[in-house]
PDB file of all heavy atoms in Angstrom:
ATOM      1  N   ASP A   1     -22.674   1.847   4.483  1.00  0.00           N
ATOM      2  CA  ASP A   1     -23.140   1.692   5.877  1.00  0.00           C
ATOM      3  C   ASP A   1     -22.072   1.829   6.877  1.00  0.00           C
ATOM      4  O   ASP A   1     -22.188   2.367   7.879  1.00  0.00           O
ATOM      5  CB  ASP A   1     -23.804   0.324   6.076  1.00  0.00           C
ATOM      6  CG  ASP A   1     -25.206   0.202   5.302  1.00  0.00           C
ATOM      7  OD1 ASP A   1     -25.721   1.235   4.993  1.00  0.00           O
ATOM      8  OD2 ASP A   1     -25.616  -0.882   5.022  1.00  0.00           O
ATOM      9  N   SER A   2     -20.804   1.352   6.507  1.00  0.00           N
ATOM     10  CA  SER A   2     -19.678   1.465   7.372  1.00  0.00           C
ATOM     11  C   SER A   2     -19.186   2.824   7.725  1.00  0.00           C
ATOM     12  O   SER A   2     -18.459   3.155   8.589  1.00  0.00           O
ATOM     13  CB  SER A   2     -18.505   0.636   6.861  1.00  0.00           C
ATOM     14  OG  SER A   2     -18.137   1.048   5.541  1.00  0.00           O
ATOM     15  N   ALA A   3     -19.596   3.812   6.767  1.00  0.00           N
ATOM     16  CA  ALA A   3     -19.152   5.242   6.942  1.00  0.00           C
ATOM     17  C   ALA A   3     -20.264   6.079   7.404  1.00  0.00           C
ATOM     18  O   ALA A   3     -19.863   7.179   7.890  1.00  0.00           O
ATOM     19  CB  ALA A   3     -18.860   5.612   5.422  1.00  0.00           C
ATOM     20  N   LYS A   4     -21.453   5.698   7.391  1.00  0.00           N
ATOM     21  CA  LYS A   4     -22.607   6.502   7.875  1.00  0.00           C
ATOM     22  C   LYS A   4     -22.340   6.972   9.228  1.00  0.00           C
ATOM     23  O   LYS A   4     -22.162   6.143  10.149  1.00  0.00           O
ATOM     24  CB  LYS A   4     -23.889   5.839   7.698  1.00  0.00           C
ATOM     25  CG  LYS A   4     -24.287   5.742   6.199  1.00  0.00           C
ATOM     26  CD  LYS A   4     -25.677   5.013   6.067  1.00  0.00           C
ATOM     27  CE  LYS A   4     -25.998   4.937   4.616  1.00  0.00           C
ATOM     28  NZ  LYS A   4     -27.282   4.133   4.325  1.00  0.00           N
ATOM     29  N   GLY A   5     -22.558   8.287   9.495  1.00  0.00           N
ATOM     30  CA  GLY A   5     -22.370   8.803  10.826  1.00  0.00           C
ATOM     31  C   GLY A   5     -20.974   9.139  11.195  1.00  0.00           C
ATOM     32  O   GLY A   5     -20.715   9.826  12.232  1.00  0.00           O
ATOM     33  N   ARG A   6     -20.017   8.636  10.436  1.00  0.00           N
ATOM     34  CA  ARG A   6     -18.613   8.966  10.803  1.00  0.00           C
ATOM     35  C   ARG A   6     -17.819   9.616   9.709  1.00  0.00           C
ATOM     36  O   ARG A   6     -17.051  10.582   9.972  1.00  0.00           O
ATOM     37  CB  ARG A   6     -17.824   7.643  11.062  1.00  0.00           C
ATOM     38  CG  ARG A   6     -18.346   6.864  12.133  1.00  0.00           C
ATOM     39  CD  ARG A   6     -17.499   5.643  12.453  1.00  0.00           C
ATOM     40  NE  ARG A   6     -17.299   4.700  11.355  1.00  0.00           N
ATOM     41  CZ  ARG A   6     -16.169   4.237  10.841  1.00  0.00           C
ATOM     42  NH1 ARG A   6     -15.060   4.808  11.356  1.00  0.00           N
ATOM     43  NH2 ARG A   6     -16.039   3.426   9.844  1.00  0.00           N
ATOM     44  N   PHE A   7     -18.183   9.383   8.371  1.00  0.00           N
ATOM     45  CA  PHE A   7     -17.469   9.913   7.159  1.00  0.00           C
ATOM     46  C   PHE A   7     -18.401  10.919   6.437  1.00  0.00           C
ATOM     47  O   PHE A   7     -19.610  10.561   6.304  1.00  0.00           O
ATOM     48  CB  PHE A   7     -16.946   8.910   6.166  1.00  0.00           C
ATOM     49  CG  PHE A   7     -15.985   8.006   6.803  1.00  0.00           C
ATOM     50  CD1 PHE A   7     -15.448   8.043   8.091  1.00  0.00           C
ATOM     51  CD2 PHE A   7     -15.477   7.027   5.902  1.00  0.00           C
ATOM     52  CE1 PHE A   7     -14.556   7.194   8.585  1.00  0.00           C
ATOM     53  CE2 PHE A   7     -14.397   6.088   6.402  1.00  0.00           C
ATOM     54  CZ  PHE A   7     -13.991   6.197   7.748  1.00  0.00           C
ATOM     55  N   THR A   8     -17.972  12.019   6.079  1.00  0.00           N
ATOM     56  CA  THR A   8     -18.727  13.034   5.334  1.00  0.00           C
ATOM     57  C   THR A   8     -17.925  13.558   4.099  1.00  0.00           C
ATOM     58  O   THR A   8     -16.895  14.027   4.229  1.00  0.00           O
ATOM     59  CB  THR A   8     -19.126  14.270   6.172  1.00  0.00           C
ATOM     60  OG1 THR A   8     -19.791  13.726   7.297  1.00  0.00           O
ATOM     61  CG2 THR A   8     -19.989  15.198   5.485  1.00  0.00           C
ATOM     62  N   ALA A   9     -18.556  13.490   2.960  1.00  0.00           N
ATOM     63  CA  ALA A   9     -18.036  13.990   1.757  1.00  0.00           C
ATOM     64  C   ALA A   9     -18.556  15.356   1.550  1.00  0.00           C
ATOM     65  O   ALA A   9     -19.647  15.667   1.712  1.00  0.00           O
ATOM     66  CB  ALA A   9     -18.318  13.072   0.523  1.00  0.00           C
ATOM     67  N   SER A  10     -17.620  16.278   1.089  1.00  0.00           N
ATOM     68  CA  SER A  10     -17.997  17.729   0.759  1.00  0.00           C
ATOM     69  C   SER A  10     -17.215  18.092  -0.401  1.00  0.00           C
ATOM     70  O   SER A  10     -16.230  17.472  -0.900  1.00  0.00           O
ATOM     71  CB  SER A  10     -17.757  18.571   2.018  1.00  0.00           C
ATOM     72  OG  SER A  10     -16.400  18.551   2.361  1.00  0.00           O
ATOM     73  N   ARG A  11     -17.499  19.366  -0.880  1.00  0.00           N
ATOM     74  CA  ARG A  11     -16.782  19.788  -2.048  1.00  0.00           C
ATOM     75  C   ARG A  11     -16.561  21.307  -1.960  1.00  0.00           C
ATOM     76  O   ARG A  11     -17.285  21.978  -1.300  1.00  0.00           O
ATOM     77  CB  ARG A  11     -17.553  19.555  -3.384  1.00  0.00           C
ATOM     78  CG  ARG A  11     -18.892  20.339  -3.536  1.00  0.00           C
ATOM     79  CD  ARG A  11     -19.825  19.739  -4.549  1.00  0.00           C
ATOM     80  NE  ARG A  11     -20.805  20.708  -4.840  1.00  0.00           N
ATOM     81  CZ  ARG A  11     -21.816  21.070  -4.069  1.00  0.00           C
ATOM     82  NH1 ARG A  11     -21.963  20.541  -2.913  1.00  0.00           N
ATOM     83  NH2 ARG A  11     -22.770  21.928  -4.539  1.00  0.00           N
ATOM     84  N   ASP A  12     -15.513  21.825  -2.625  1.00  0.00           N
ATOM     85  CA  ASP A  12     -15.296  23.238  -2.792  1.00  0.00           C
ATOM     86  C   ASP A  12     -15.184  23.391  -4.312  1.00  0.00           C
ATOM     87  O   ASP A  12     -14.053  23.184  -4.836  1.00  0.00           O
ATOM     88  CB  ASP A  12     -14.038  23.596  -1.999  1.00  0.00           C
ATOM     89  CG  ASP A  12     -13.768  25.064  -2.068  1.00  0.00           C
ATOM     90  OD1 ASP A  12     -14.224  25.831  -3.083  1.00  0.00           O
ATOM     91  OD2 ASP A  12     -13.065  25.603  -1.211  1.00  0.00           O
ATOM     92  N   ASN A  13     -16.157  23.884  -4.953  1.00  0.00           N
ATOM     93  CA  ASN A  13     -16.165  24.068  -6.338  1.00  0.00           C
ATOM     94  C   ASN A  13     -15.173  25.031  -6.829  1.00  0.00           C
ATOM     95  O   ASN A  13     -14.466  24.972  -7.888  1.00  0.00           O
ATOM     96  CB  ASN A  13     -17.572  24.431  -6.895  1.00  0.00           C
ATOM     97  CG  ASN A  13     -18.593  23.303  -6.643  1.00  0.00           C
ATOM     98  OD1 ASN A  13     -18.142  22.192  -6.465  1.00  0.00           O
ATOM     99  ND2 ASN A  13     -19.759  23.623  -6.865  1.00  0.00           N
ATOM    100  N   ALA A  14     -14.871  26.076  -6.045  1.00  0.00           N
ATOM    101  CA  ALA A  14     -14.014  27.112  -6.390  1.00  0.00           C
ATOM    102  C   ALA A  14     -12.584  26.630  -6.483  1.00  0.00           C
ATOM    103  O   ALA A  14     -11.787  27.018  -7.265  1.00  0.00           O
ATOM    104  CB  ALA A  14     -14.032  28.306  -5.405  1.00  0.00           C
ATOM    105  N   ARG A  15     -12.279  25.673  -5.605  1.00  0.00           N
ATOM    106  CA  ARG A  15     -10.971  24.962  -5.643  1.00  0.00           C
ATOM    107  C   ARG A  15     -10.925  23.633  -6.296  1.00  0.00           C
ATOM    108  O   ARG A  15      -9.851  23.074  -6.443  1.00  0.00           O
ATOM    109  CB  ARG A  15     -10.578  24.780  -4.206  1.00  0.00           C
ATOM    110  CG  ARG A  15     -10.247  25.982  -3.416  1.00  0.00           C
ATOM    111  CD  ARG A  15      -9.584  25.561  -1.970  1.00  0.00           C
ATOM    112  NE  ARG A  15      -8.996  26.737  -1.343  1.00  0.00           N
ATOM    113  CZ  ARG A  15      -9.685  27.685  -0.603  1.00  0.00           C
ATOM    114  NH1 ARG A  15     -11.032  27.509  -0.563  1.00  0.00           N
ATOM    115  NH2 ARG A  15      -8.993  28.691  -0.106  1.00  0.00           N
ATOM    116  N   ASN A  16     -12.062  23.287  -6.996  1.00  0.00           N
ATOM    117  CA  ASN A  16     -12.025  22.062  -7.722  1.00  0.00           C
ATOM    118  C   ASN A  16     -11.557  20.811  -6.847  1.00  0.00           C
ATOM    119  O   ASN A  16     -10.884  19.982  -7.334  1.00  0.00           O
ATOM    120  CB  ASN A  16     -11.236  21.998  -8.957  1.00  0.00           C
ATOM    121  CG  ASN A  16     -12.126  21.826 -10.204  1.00  0.00           C
ATOM    122  OD1 ASN A  16     -13.372  21.965 -10.255  1.00  0.00           O
ATOM    123  ND2 ASN A  16     -11.517  21.535 -11.352  1.00  0.00           N
ATOM    124  N   THR A  17     -12.010  20.931  -5.570  1.00  0.00           N
ATOM    125  CA  THR A  17     -11.516  19.870  -4.629  1.00  0.00           C
ATOM    126  C   THR A  17     -12.711  19.256  -3.866  1.00  0.00           C
ATOM    127  O   THR A  17     -13.604  19.964  -3.557  1.00  0.00           O
ATOM    128  CB  THR A  17     -10.631  20.612  -3.649  1.00  0.00           C
ATOM    129  OG1 THR A  17      -9.477  21.111  -4.352  1.00  0.00           O
ATOM    130  CG2 THR A  17     -10.133  19.514  -2.601  1.00  0.00           C
ATOM    131  N   VAL A  18     -12.672  18.012  -3.656  1.00  0.00           N
ATOM    132  CA  VAL A  18     -13.664  17.182  -2.829  1.00  0.00           C
ATOM    133  C   VAL A  18     -12.816  16.689  -1.678  1.00  0.00           C
ATOM    134  O   VAL A  18     -11.650  16.382  -1.725  1.00  0.00           O
ATOM    135  CB  VAL A  18     -14.211  15.983  -3.672  1.00  0.00           C
ATOM    136  CG1 VAL A  18     -14.983  15.149  -2.765  1.00  0.00           C
ATOM    137  CG2 VAL A  18     -15.156  16.592  -4.788  1.00  0.00           C
ATOM    138  N   TYR A  19     -13.573  16.702  -0.548  1.00  0.00           N
ATOM    139  CA  TYR A  19     -13.012  16.290   0.778  1.00  0.00           C
ATOM    140  C   TYR A  19     -13.719  15.024   1.348  1.00  0.00           C
ATOM    141  O   TYR A  19     -14.978  14.880   0.950  1.00  0.00           O
ATOM    142  CB  TYR A  19     -13.064  17.407   1.742  1.00  0.00           C
ATOM    143  CG  TYR A  19     -12.468  18.595   1.324  1.00  0.00           C
ATOM    144  CD1 TYR A  19     -13.114  19.708   0.783  1.00  0.00           C
ATOM    145  CD2 TYR A  19     -10.994  18.881   1.356  1.00  0.00           C
ATOM    146  CE1 TYR A  19     -12.607  20.851   0.321  1.00  0.00           C
ATOM    147  CE2 TYR A  19     -10.459  19.969   0.943  1.00  0.00           C
ATOM    148  CZ  TYR A  19     -11.209  20.937   0.422  1.00  0.00           C
ATOM    149  OH  TYR A  19     -10.655  22.132   0.025  1.00  0.00           O
ATOM    150  N   LEU A  20     -13.024  14.255   2.147  1.00  0.00           N
ATOM    151  CA  LEU A  20     -13.626  13.209   2.801  1.00  0.00           C
ATOM    152  C   LEU A  20     -13.167  13.431   4.291  1.00  0.00           C
ATOM    153  O   LEU A  20     -12.041  13.133   4.628  1.00  0.00           O
ATOM    154  CB  LEU A  20     -13.326  11.720   2.383  1.00  0.00           C
ATOM    155  CG  LEU A  20     -13.952  10.642   3.150  1.00  0.00           C
ATOM    156  CD1 LEU A  20     -15.420  10.630   2.842  1.00  0.00           C
ATOM    157  CD2 LEU A  20     -13.226   9.315   2.659  1.00  0.00           C
ATOM    158  N   GLN A  21     -14.125  13.855   5.025  1.00  0.00           N
ATOM    159  CA  GLN A  21     -13.870  14.085   6.470  1.00  0.00           C
ATOM    160  C   GLN A  21     -14.224  12.649   7.235  1.00  0.00           C
ATOM    161  O   GLN A  21     -15.286  12.234   7.201  1.00  0.00           O
ATOM    162  CB  GLN A  21     -14.739  15.066   7.180  1.00  0.00           C
ATOM    163  CG  GLN A  21     -14.633  15.329   8.639  1.00  0.00           C
ATOM    164  CD  GLN A  21     -13.212  15.888   9.051  1.00  0.00           C
ATOM    165  OE1 GLN A  21     -12.733  16.722   8.346  1.00  0.00           O
ATOM    166  NE2 GLN A  21     -12.635  15.338  10.100  1.00  0.00           N
ATOM    167  N   MET A  22     -13.124  12.195   7.870  1.00  0.00           N
ATOM    168  CA  MET A  22     -13.276  10.908   8.583  1.00  0.00           C
ATOM    169  C   MET A  22     -13.092  11.016  10.080  1.00  0.00           C
ATOM    170  O   MET A  22     -12.068  11.491  10.514  1.00  0.00           O
ATOM    171  CB  MET A  22     -12.340   9.971   8.073  1.00  0.00           C
ATOM    172  CG  MET A  22     -12.378   9.758   6.523  1.00  0.00           C
ATOM    173  SD  MET A  22     -11.270   8.440   5.906  1.00  0.00           S
ATOM    174  CE  MET A  22      -9.702   9.025   6.313  1.00  0.00           C
ATOM    175  N   ASN A  23     -14.150  10.725  10.828  1.00  0.00           N
ATOM    176  CA  ASN A  23     -14.084  10.892  12.241  1.00  0.00           C
ATOM    177  C   ASN A  23     -14.317   9.492  12.914  1.00  0.00           C
ATOM    178  O   ASN A  23     -14.742   8.528  12.329  1.00  0.00           O
ATOM    179  CB  ASN A  23     -15.284  11.855  12.845  1.00  0.00           C
ATOM    180  CG  ASN A  23     -15.150  13.183  12.262  1.00  0.00           C
ATOM    181  OD1 ASN A  23     -14.053  13.712  12.002  1.00  0.00           O
ATOM    182  ND2 ASN A  23     -16.279  13.785  11.920  1.00  0.00           N
ATOM    183  N   SER A  24     -14.021   9.397  14.195  1.00  0.00           N
ATOM    184  CA  SER A  24     -14.141   8.154  14.982  1.00  0.00           C
ATOM    185  C   SER A  24     -13.547   7.065  14.190  1.00  0.00           C
ATOM    186  O   SER A  24     -14.124   5.950  14.111  1.00  0.00           O
ATOM    187  CB  SER A  24     -15.689   7.869  15.208  1.00  0.00           C
ATOM    188  OG  SER A  24     -16.265   8.972  15.919  1.00  0.00           O
ATOM    189  N   LEU A  25     -12.284   7.164  13.694  1.00  0.00           N
ATOM    190  CA  LEU A  25     -11.669   6.088  12.923  1.00  0.00           C
ATOM    191  C   LEU A  25     -11.551   4.906  13.687  1.00  0.00           C
ATOM    192  O   LEU A  25     -11.137   4.994  14.832  1.00  0.00           O
ATOM    193  CB  LEU A  25     -10.362   6.665  12.355  1.00  0.00           C
ATOM    194  CG  LEU A  25     -10.584   7.652  11.162  1.00  0.00           C
ATOM    195  CD1 LEU A  25      -9.404   8.462  10.967  1.00  0.00           C
ATOM    196  CD2 LEU A  25     -10.897   6.853   9.824  1.00  0.00           C
ATOM    197  N   LYS A  26     -11.569   3.781  13.007  1.00  0.00           N
ATOM    198  CA  LYS A  26     -11.291   2.460  13.572  1.00  0.00           C
ATOM    199  C   LYS A  26     -10.126   1.782  12.917  1.00  0.00           C
ATOM    200  O   LYS A  26      -9.956   2.114  11.705  1.00  0.00           O
ATOM    201  CB  LYS A  26     -12.535   1.479  13.573  1.00  0.00           C
ATOM    202  CG  LYS A  26     -13.916   2.244  13.984  1.00  0.00           C
ATOM    203  CD  LYS A  26     -15.031   1.462  13.727  1.00  0.00           C
ATOM    204  CE  LYS A  26     -16.353   2.144  14.168  1.00  0.00           C
ATOM    205  NZ  LYS A  26     -17.568   1.293  13.885  1.00  0.00           N
ATOM    206  N   PRO A  27      -9.610   0.785  13.547  1.00  0.00           N
ATOM    207  CA  PRO A  27      -8.487   0.056  12.891  1.00  0.00           C
ATOM    208  C   PRO A  27      -8.956  -0.587  11.509  1.00  0.00           C
ATOM    209  O   PRO A  27      -8.141  -0.627  10.634  1.00  0.00           O
ATOM    210  CB  PRO A  27      -8.034  -1.019  13.924  1.00  0.00           C
ATOM    211  CG  PRO A  27      -8.381  -0.404  15.235  1.00  0.00           C
ATOM    212  CD  PRO A  27      -9.648   0.373  15.001  1.00  0.00           C
TER     213      PRO A  27
END
């Protein structure tokens, strides 16, 4: 719940890499 609307997980299978995009970061 603390991440919804701000953080997004995605993946790049070709690179065997997963990402976490974090926006509107808070202290």
